Amino acid sequence: MARFAAIGLDHRHVYDLTAGLLAAGQTCVGYCPETSDPRVLAGFRRRFPDVPPVPRARLLDDRSISIALIAAVPCERAGLAIEAMRRGKDVMVDKPGVTTALQLAEIERTVGETGRIWSVALGRLLSPAVQEALRIARSGEIGRLAHITVLAPHRLNRALRPAWFFDRPAFGGIINDIGVHAIDQFLAFAGRDDAEIVISTVGAFGTAPAGFEDFAEIVLATPSLRGYVRLDWLTPDGLPSWGDGRLFVVGTEGTIELRKNLDIAGRSGTDHLFVANGERTRYADCSGLAVTYFRDFVSDVTNRTAPAAHQRTVFTVCRLALDAQARAARFAATSERR
């Protein structure tokens, strides 16, 4: 059984990541109460009342702790991860794991020098519906893949966001922040370890402080597959979810549509999957399928393996997200009516 500590309670994703490791049989021996958002800290205490607060330095220096769980302000995650790895800990970090190319280079160097595991908790690894869609695509049921479309709308919830959320250097931009999930999905379906960023665009529609990127597009390609990604912070308050996340997989003999958060037609719950091929159309409720990421990560830590998310793939996904963000053409939306 591995002992882990939560360090950097600045994003609510820390709740699910902590719960996932606990469900995998691990013990949370402490959390660092330093935070930029007291509401996240209060939520952590409500959910995990038996976990004690412990100073950060003591958690990092405790050799009995083998995993550092990090959900700090994004620009601080790399530094904390490096500290933890140099103290003999493997790291599970909320996305984005880095916000600059220099941070990524330092993470790669530290992993190489220490042999520690640096895992970014990407959405593909946490979604039973995406895992099932991957299984179907790889089975050949829909033929050879031709195109992937990822739609990733998010609700802004402006009143609940801390100041760093609107500070581009703090989170690295919309593509680096939430686009990293879509890039990872594209590589997984393509079965490739790299891809080309054909074009990327970011825009600001004025939903938040001036200049805040609330919209983005990416076109990706490999020699045999192309993909389109749309990201935004424009989900309306009336939608009964933080976003209607969707994935479309087009093959030569069929299609897959995945609705991650809700079925707008009325089915309850999450993880809805639809498959059409030459013989039939079928629906699958994937919400009850197992998510193995946390168990696999613990196995990696215990056995010094990396099947859950190969380290080179994680590096590549982060590099592509940073590249797409850096190269993105910017447009300024206007309120003109035509």
Protein backbone atom coordinates (compact mmCIF):
# COMPACT_ATOMS: atom_id res chain seq x y z
CA MET A 1 0.00 0.00 0.00
CA ALA A 2 1.38 3.40 -1.03
CA ARG A 3 1.20 6.48 1.16
CA PHE A 4 0.46 9.75 -0.59
CA ALA A 5 0.14 13.43 0.22
CA ALA A 6 -1.87 16.20 -1.45
CA ILE A 7 0.28 19.24 -2.12
CA GLY A 8 -1.14 22.35 -3.73
CA LEU A 9 -4.89 22.58 -3.13
CA ASP A 10 -5.69 25.25 -5.71
CA HIS A 11 -8.04 23.42 -8.10
CA ARG A 12 -11.12 21.32 -7.34
CA HIS A 13 -9.75 18.46 -9.42
CA VAL A 14 -7.82 17.55 -6.28
CA TYR A 15 -11.04 16.06 -4.89
CA ASP A 16 -11.45 13.47 -7.65
CA LEU A 17 -7.74 12.64 -7.76
CA THR A 18 -7.61 12.10 -4.00
CA ALA A 19 -10.78 9.99 -4.09
CA GLY A 20 -9.35 7.93 -6.96
CA LEU A 21 -6.15 7.08 -5.10
CA LEU A 22 -8.11 6.26 -1.95
CA ALA A 23 -10.41 3.96 -3.94
CA ALA A 24 -7.30 2.26 -5.31
CA GLY A 25 -6.44 1.29 -1.74
CA GLN A 26 -3.88 3.97 -0.96
CA THR A 27 -3.59 6.07 2.20
CA CYS A 28 -3.58 9.86 2.22
CA VAL A 29 -1.36 10.76 5.18
CA GLY A 30 -1.64 14.53 4.90
CA TYR A 31 -2.32 17.62 2.86
CA CYS A 32 -0.59 20.97 2.66
CA PRO A 33 -3.13 23.66 3.62
CA GLU A 34 -1.44 26.38 1.55
CA THR A 35 -3.87 27.51 -1.16
CA SER A 36 -4.82 30.39 -3.43
CA ASP A 37 -8.50 29.51 -3.04
CA PRO A 38 -9.85 28.95 0.49
CA ARG A 39 -13.01 27.43 -0.99
CA VAL A 40 -11.00 24.53 -2.43
CA LEU A 41 -9.34 23.98 0.95
CA ALA A 42 -12.72 24.01 2.72
CA GLY A 43 -14.11 21.53 0.20
CA PHE A 44 -11.15 19.21 0.72
CA ARG A 45 -11.62 19.27 4.49
CA ARG A 46 -15.33 18.44 4.14
CA ARG A 47 -14.67 15.52 1.83
CA PHE A 48 -11.67 14.08 3.66
CA PRO A 49 -12.09 15.02 7.34
CA ASP A 50 -9.70 12.31 8.56
CA VAL A 51 -6.73 13.59 6.54
CA PRO A 52 -4.57 15.92 8.67
CA PRO A 53 -2.99 19.20 7.55
CA VAL A 54 0.81 18.96 7.45
CA PRO A 55 3.38 21.61 6.48
CA ARG A 56 4.57 21.25 2.89
CA ALA A 57 8.25 20.83 3.77
CA ARG A 58 7.45 17.98 6.15
CA LEU A 59 5.41 16.16 3.51
CA LEU A 60 8.16 16.54 0.93
CA ASP A 61 10.83 15.33 3.34
CA ASP A 62 8.83 12.34 4.63
CA ARG A 63 10.49 9.31 3.02
CA SER A 64 7.55 7.07 3.86
CA ILE A 65 5.39 9.01 1.38
CA SER A 66 5.83 7.58 -2.10
CA ILE A 67 3.31 9.70 -4.10
CA ALA A 68 2.88 13.45 -4.30
CA LEU A 69 -0.54 14.50 -5.63
CA ILE A 70 -0.30 18.03 -7.02
CA ALA A 71 -3.16 20.36 -8.00
CA ALA A 72 -1.43 23.68 -7.36
CA VAL A 73 -1.72 26.84 -9.46
CA PRO A 74 -0.69 25.51 -12.90
CA CYS A 75 2.49 27.60 -13.21
CA GLU A 76 3.67 26.20 -9.84
CA ARG A 77 3.05 22.53 -10.60
CA ALA A 78 6.32 21.82 -12.38
CA GLY A 79 8.43 23.27 -9.57
CA LEU A 80 6.56 21.27 -6.93
CA ALA A 81 6.82 18.10 -9.02
CA ILE A 82 10.56 18.54 -9.40
CA GLU A 83 10.95 19.07 -5.65
CA ALA A 84 8.93 15.93 -4.97
CA MET A 85 10.79 13.77 -7.49
CA ARG A 86 14.16 14.88 -6.15
CA ARG A 87 12.98 13.75 -2.74
CA GLY A 88 12.18 10.27 -4.03
CA LYS A 89 8.47 10.62 -4.76
CA ASP A 90 6.45 9.72 -7.84
CA VAL A 91 4.04 12.41 -8.96
CA MET A 92 0.44 12.54 -10.11
CA VAL A 93 -0.35 16.06 -11.28
CA ASP A 94 -3.54 17.72 -12.41
CA LYS A 95 -3.52 19.09 -15.94
CA PRO A 96 -1.84 21.16 -17.24
CA GLY A 97 1.34 19.70 -15.81
CA VAL A 98 3.44 22.57 -17.17
CA THR A 99 2.87 26.07 -18.51
CA THR A 100 6.15 26.73 -20.39
CA ALA A 101 8.58 24.82 -22.60
CA LEU A 102 11.34 25.46 -20.07
CA GLN A 103 9.30 23.80 -17.34
CA LEU A 104 8.72 20.78 -19.57
CA ALA A 105 12.44 20.49 -20.31
CA GLU A 106 13.22 20.63 -16.58
CA ILE A 107 10.59 17.97 -15.84
CA GLU A 108 12.05 15.68 -18.54
CA ARG A 109 15.55 16.19 -17.16
CA THR A 110 14.41 15.44 -13.61
CA VAL A 111 12.56 12.27 -14.65
CA GLY A 112 15.68 11.11 -16.49
CA GLU A 113 17.96 11.82 -13.55
CA THR A 114 15.74 10.44 -10.79
CA GLY A 115 13.84 7.63 -12.50
CA ARG A 116 10.63 8.86 -10.89
CA ILE A 117 7.20 8.73 -12.56
CA TRP A 118 5.50 12.00 -13.62
CA SER A 119 1.91 11.33 -14.60
CA VAL A 120 -0.57 13.97 -15.75
CA ALA A 121 -4.18 13.03 -14.98
CA LEU A 122 -5.55 13.49 -18.50
CA GLY A 123 -9.24 13.16 -19.29
CA ARG A 124 -8.84 10.10 -21.52
CA LEU A 125 -7.48 8.15 -18.57
CA LEU A 126 -10.42 9.13 -16.36
CA SER A 127 -13.26 8.59 -18.83
CA PRO A 128 -14.81 5.11 -19.17
CA ALA A 129 -16.62 6.23 -22.34
CA VAL A 130 -13.39 7.30 -24.06
CA GLN A 131 -11.77 4.02 -23.08
CA GLU A 132 -14.69 2.10 -24.58
CA ALA A 133 -14.59 4.22 -27.74
CA LEU A 134 -10.87 3.45 -28.07
CA ARG A 135 -11.56 -0.27 -27.67
CA ILE A 136 -14.22 -0.18 -30.39
CA ALA A 137 -12.05 1.86 -32.75
CA ARG A 138 -9.09 -0.50 -32.28
CA SER A 139 -11.29 -3.56 -32.81
CA GLY A 140 -11.86 -2.57 -36.45
CA GLU A 141 -15.64 -2.37 -36.06
CA ILE A 142 -15.80 1.01 -37.81
CA GLY A 143 -13.02 0.32 -40.30
CA ARG A 144 -9.95 2.46 -40.82
CA LEU A 145 -10.11 5.77 -38.97
CA ALA A 146 -10.40 8.89 -41.11
CA HIS A 147 -11.19 11.79 -38.78
CA ILE A 148 -11.53 12.72 -35.09
CA THR A 149 -13.53 15.69 -33.78
CA VAL A 150 -13.32 16.77 -30.14
CA LEU A 151 -15.69 19.41 -28.75
CA ALA A 152 -14.78 20.59 -25.26
CA PRO A 153 -17.08 23.39 -24.06
CA HIS A 154 -16.77 24.45 -20.42
CA ARG A 155 -18.83 26.64 -18.11
CA LEU A 156 -16.93 29.72 -16.97
CA ASN A 157 -18.46 30.03 -13.49
CA ARG A 158 -16.71 33.36 -13.27
CA ALA A 159 -17.73 34.14 -9.70
CA LEU A 160 -16.11 30.92 -8.45
CA ARG A 161 -12.76 31.38 -10.17
CA PRO A 162 -9.65 32.57 -8.31
CA ALA A 163 -7.59 35.44 -9.72
CA TRP A 164 -4.96 33.13 -11.26
CA PHE A 165 -7.61 31.55 -13.49
CA PHE A 166 -7.70 34.74 -15.57
CA ASP A 167 -3.92 35.30 -15.59
CA ARG A 168 -2.53 33.74 -18.78
CA PRO A 169 1.03 33.13 -17.48
CA ALA A 170 -0.48 31.33 -14.48
CA PHE A 171 -2.32 28.69 -16.53
CA GLY A 172 -0.57 28.85 -19.90
CA GLY A 173 -3.54 29.73 -22.12
CA ILE A 174 -6.72 27.92 -23.09
CA ILE A 175 -5.07 25.39 -25.41
CA ASN A 176 -2.42 24.46 -22.87
CA ASP A 177 -5.01 24.25 -20.11
CA ILE A 178 -7.96 22.32 -21.55
CA GLY A 179 -6.71 21.52 -25.05
CA VAL A 180 -4.12 19.12 -23.68
CA HIS A 181 -6.92 16.56 -23.10
CA ALA A 182 -8.04 16.69 -26.73
CA ILE A 183 -4.51 16.40 -28.09
CA ASP A 184 -3.96 13.32 -25.93
CA GLN A 185 -7.21 11.77 -27.23
CA PHE A 186 -6.20 12.40 -30.84
CA LEU A 187 -2.84 10.65 -30.37
CA ALA A 188 -4.53 7.72 -28.64
CA PHE A 189 -7.02 7.15 -31.46
CA ALA A 190 -4.35 7.71 -34.10
CA GLY A 191 -2.11 5.15 -32.43
CA ARG A 192 0.83 7.51 -32.96
CA ASP A 193 3.44 8.95 -30.65
CA ASP A 194 3.44 12.38 -32.34
CA ALA A 195 1.32 14.63 -34.57
CA GLU A 196 1.49 17.86 -36.53
CA ILE A 197 -0.28 20.99 -35.37
CA VAL A 198 -1.64 22.19 -38.72
CA ILE A 199 -3.24 25.34 -37.35
CA SER A 200 -4.38 26.76 -34.02
CA THR A 201 -6.44 29.80 -33.13
CA VAL A 202 -7.49 31.52 -29.92
CA GLY A 203 -10.10 34.19 -29.38
CA ALA A 204 -11.61 36.38 -26.68
CA PHE A 205 -15.34 37.09 -26.72
CA GLY A 206 -15.25 39.28 -23.63
CA THR A 207 -16.89 36.89 -21.20
CA ALA A 208 -14.23 37.65 -18.58
CA PRO A 209 -11.48 40.25 -17.99
CA ALA A 210 -10.09 41.84 -21.14
CA GLY A 211 -7.95 39.48 -23.18
CA PHE A 212 -9.07 36.26 -21.48
CA GLU A 213 -9.06 33.44 -24.02
CA ASP A 214 -12.51 31.85 -23.99
CA PHE A 215 -12.39 30.13 -27.41
CA ALA A 216 -9.86 28.08 -29.37
CA GLU A 217 -9.55 25.73 -32.33
CA ILE A 218 -6.85 23.24 -33.32
CA VAL A 219 -6.38 21.12 -36.44
CA LEU A 220 -4.07 18.12 -35.99
CA ALA A 221 -2.73 15.59 -38.46
CA THR A 222 -0.74 12.40 -38.81
CA PRO A 223 0.10 10.80 -42.17
CA SER A 224 -3.20 8.87 -42.07
CA LEU A 225 -5.58 10.80 -39.79
CA ARG A 226 -6.79 14.34 -39.25
CA GLY A 227 -8.56 15.89 -36.31
CA TYR A 228 -10.39 19.04 -35.28
CA VAL A 229 -10.68 20.40 -31.73
CA ARG A 230 -12.93 23.19 -30.43
CA LEU A 231 -12.45 24.51 -26.91
CA ASP A 232 -14.44 27.20 -25.16
CA TRP A 233 -15.65 28.67 -21.88
CA LEU A 234 -19.09 29.44 -23.30
CA THR A 235 -21.36 26.74 -21.83
CA PRO A 236 -24.64 28.46 -20.80
CA ASP A 237 -25.82 28.31 -17.21
CA GLY A 238 -29.01 26.57 -18.26
CA LEU A 239 -27.21 23.40 -19.35
CA PRO A 240 -27.38 20.80 -16.54
CA SER A 241 -23.64 20.13 -16.72
CA TRP A 242 -20.39 22.09 -16.83
CA GLY A 243 -20.16 21.30 -20.55
CA ASP A 244 -21.54 19.10 -23.32
CA GLY A 245 -18.25 17.37 -24.12
CA ARG A 246 -18.45 15.37 -27.33
CA LEU A 247 -16.19 13.13 -29.39
CA PHE A 248 -16.84 12.04 -32.97
CA VAL A 249 -14.80 9.25 -34.57
CA VAL A 250 -15.30 8.70 -38.31
CA GLY A 251 -14.14 5.44 -39.86
CA THR A 252 -14.43 3.98 -43.33
CA GLU A 253 -17.14 1.55 -42.15
CA GLY A 254 -18.85 3.34 -39.27
CA THR A 255 -18.89 6.13 -36.72
CA ILE A 256 -18.70 6.61 -32.97
CA GLU A 257 -20.26 9.51 -31.11
CA LEU A 258 -19.52 10.02 -27.44
CA ARG A 259 -21.33 12.43 -25.15
CA LYS A 260 -19.30 12.58 -21.98
CA ASN A 261 -21.38 14.65 -19.61
CA LEU A 262 -25.01 14.40 -20.68
CA ASP A 263 -27.38 13.12 -23.34
CA ILE A 264 -29.27 16.14 -24.54
CA ALA A 265 -32.04 13.80 -25.78
CA GLY A 266 -32.93 12.95 -22.21
CA ARG A 267 -31.06 9.87 -20.96
CA SER A 268 -29.80 10.44 -17.43
CA GLY A 269 -26.23 10.21 -16.28
CA THR A 270 -22.91 10.53 -18.10
CA ASP A 271 -20.70 8.59 -20.56
CA HIS A 272 -23.14 7.99 -23.41
CA LEU A 273 -21.77 6.25 -26.50
CA PHE A 274 -23.40 5.70 -29.91
CA VAL A 275 -22.01 3.42 -32.63
CA ALA A 276 -23.21 3.13 -36.23
CA ASN A 277 -21.80 0.65 -38.75
CA GLY A 278 -22.91 -1.21 -41.86
CA GLU A 279 -25.26 -3.46 -39.90
CA ARG A 280 -26.85 -1.44 -37.11
CA THR A 281 -26.83 1.51 -34.75
CA ARG A 282 -26.40 0.84 -31.06
CA TYR A 283 -26.20 2.72 -27.78
CA ALA A 284 -23.96 1.92 -24.82
CA ASP A 285 -24.13 3.32 -21.30
CA CYS A 286 -20.47 3.40 -20.28
CA SER A 287 -20.93 5.03 -16.88
CA GLY A 288 -20.58 1.73 -15.05
CA LEU A 289 -17.33 0.71 -16.72
CA ALA A 290 -14.22 0.69 -14.57
CA VAL A 291 -11.68 3.50 -14.62
CA THR A 292 -8.30 1.83 -14.12
CA TYR A 293 -5.98 4.84 -14.17
CA PHE A 294 -5.48 5.09 -10.42
CA ARG A 295 -4.95 1.36 -9.97
CA ASP A 296 -2.56 1.32 -12.92
CA PHE A 297 -0.64 4.30 -11.57
CA VAL A 298 -0.19 2.59 -8.20
CA SER A 299 1.00 -0.53 -10.02
CA ASP A 300 3.53 1.63 -11.89
CA VAL A 301 4.77 3.07 -8.61
CA THR A 302 5.04 -0.34 -6.98
CA ASN A 303 6.54 -2.26 -9.88
CA ARG A 304 8.47 0.60 -11.56
CA THR A 305 6.57 0.19 -14.82
CA ALA A 306 4.61 2.71 -16.87
CA PRO A 307 1.70 1.13 -18.76
CA ALA A 308 -0.87 3.62 -17.45
CA ALA A 309 0.48 6.56 -19.46
CA HIS A 310 3.87 6.05 -21.05
CA GLN A 311 6.18 8.83 -19.95
CA ARG A 312 7.23 9.81 -23.48
CA THR A 313 3.59 10.14 -24.54
CA VAL A 314 2.88 12.50 -21.65
CA PHE A 315 5.87 14.63 -22.61
CA THR A 316 4.72 14.71 -26.26
CA VAL A 317 1.16 15.71 -25.38
CA CYS A 318 2.42 18.57 -23.20
CA ARG A 319 4.86 19.69 -25.90
CA LEU A 320 2.15 19.72 -28.58
CA ALA A 321 -0.21 21.70 -26.35
CA LEU A 322 2.48 24.28 -25.62
CA ASP A 323 3.36 24.47 -29.32
CA ALA A 324 -0.26 24.91 -30.41
CA GLN A 325 -0.71 27.63 -27.79
CA ALA A 326 2.47 29.47 -28.79
CA ARG A 327 1.67 29.34 -32.52
CA ALA A 328 -2.02 30.21 -32.23
CA ALA A 329 -3.33 33.03 -34.37
CA ARG A 330 -5.40 35.39 -32.26
CA PHE A 331 -8.67 37.02 -33.24
CA ALA A 332 -10.57 39.64 -31.32
CA ALA A 333 -14.32 39.06 -31.38
CA THR A 334 -16.50 42.12 -31.76
CA SER A 335 -20.10 42.92 -30.86
CA GLU A 336 -20.95 44.14 -34.36
CA ARG A 337 -24.25 42.91 -35.81
CA ARG A 338 -24.48 42.42 -39.56
